[in-house]
């Protein structure tokens, strides 16, 4: 399958965006002081585990999409030379 340059760049940008958003989200979740992510004893709550799973899954899927985009960009550059 051949991707256009614009689609490849979009997928690459989406992957970079996913890294930024989901790493920031996980960091903020870990530092949560509102009582949602950790109970009074400091143990993780169900809210923490569900959102951590969501962040890790989205991070991995964003990484896969970014890799596909990167390969498409690299292939389009090699095709021009």
Protein backbone atom coordinates (compact mmCIF):
# COMPACT_ATOMS: atom_id res chain seq x y z
CA UNK A 1 0.00 0.00 0.00
CA UNK A 2 1.30 3.43 -0.89
CA UNK A 3 0.55 6.48 1.24
CA UNK A 4 0.52 10.00 -0.11
CA UNK A 5 2.98 12.48 1.35
CA UNK A 6 0.22 14.48 3.04
CA UNK A 7 -1.29 11.38 4.67
CA UNK A 8 2.16 10.24 5.79
CA UNK A 9 2.88 13.62 7.38
CA UNK A 10 -0.54 13.62 9.05
CA UNK A 11 0.07 10.18 10.56
CA UNK A 12 3.53 11.21 11.74
CA UNK A 13 2.13 14.39 13.32
CA UNK A 14 -0.61 12.35 14.99
CA UNK A 15 2.01 10.04 16.49
CA UNK A 16 4.03 12.98 17.86
CA UNK A 17 0.83 14.55 19.21
CA UNK A 18 -0.04 11.27 20.95
CA UNK A 19 3.34 11.15 22.65
CA UNK A 20 2.92 14.71 23.92
CA UNK A 21 -0.70 14.38 25.07
CA UNK A 22 -0.64 10.93 26.65
CA UNK A 23 2.72 11.24 28.38
CA UNK A 24 1.54 14.56 29.85
CA UNK A 25 -1.77 12.97 30.87
CA UNK A 26 -0.03 10.03 32.59
CA UNK A 27 2.35 12.39 34.39
CA UNK A 28 -0.58 14.50 35.62
CA UNK A 29 -2.48 11.37 36.65
CA UNK A 30 0.50 10.20 38.69
CA UNK A 31 0.72 13.59 40.47
CA UNK A 32 -3.06 13.82 41.05
CA UNK A 33 -3.85 15.39 44.39
CA UNK A 34 -7.63 15.65 44.01
CA UNK A 35 -8.34 12.27 45.58
CA UNK A 36 -9.55 10.62 42.39
CA UNK A 37 -6.41 8.69 41.49
CA UNK A 38 -5.27 7.82 45.00
CA UNK A 39 -7.23 7.15 48.15
CA UNK A 40 -6.45 8.57 51.59
CA UNK A 41 -3.91 5.81 52.26
CA UNK A 42 -2.06 6.67 49.03
CA UNK A 43 -3.13 3.51 47.20
CA UNK A 44 -4.18 3.73 43.53
CA UNK A 45 -7.93 3.70 42.91
CA UNK A 46 -9.89 2.08 40.10
CA UNK A 47 -10.00 5.51 38.45
CA UNK A 48 -6.19 5.51 38.36
CA UNK A 49 -5.91 2.03 36.83
CA UNK A 50 -8.57 2.61 34.19
CA UNK A 51 -7.07 5.93 33.09
CA UNK A 52 -3.53 4.56 33.16
CA UNK A 53 -4.65 1.70 30.91
CA UNK A 54 -6.35 4.20 28.61
CA UNK A 55 -3.20 6.34 28.45
CA UNK A 56 -0.86 3.40 27.79
CA UNK A 57 -3.14 1.96 25.10
CA UNK A 58 -3.53 5.32 23.38
CA UNK A 59 0.21 5.94 23.62
CA UNK A 60 0.98 2.59 21.99
CA UNK A 61 -1.59 3.05 19.23
CA UNK A 62 -0.33 6.60 18.59
CA UNK A 63 3.21 5.24 18.40
CA UNK A 64 2.16 2.62 15.83
CA UNK A 65 0.38 5.26 13.73
CA UNK A 66 3.44 7.53 13.96
CA UNK A 67 5.74 4.73 12.82
CA UNK A 68 3.50 4.09 9.80
CA UNK A 69 3.59 7.81 9.01
CA UNK A 70 7.37 7.95 9.43
CA UNK A 71 7.84 5.02 7.06
CA UNK A 72 5.56 6.71 4.54
CA UNK A 73 7.50 9.98 4.74
CA UNK A 74 10.78 8.14 4.39
CA UNK A 75 9.50 6.16 1.41
CA UNK A 76 8.21 9.28 -0.35
CA UNK A 77 11.58 10.98 0.11
CA UNK A 78 13.43 7.95 -1.25
CA UNK A 79 11.06 7.87 -4.23
CA UNK A 80 11.89 11.48 -5.15
CA UNK A 81 15.65 10.84 -5.23
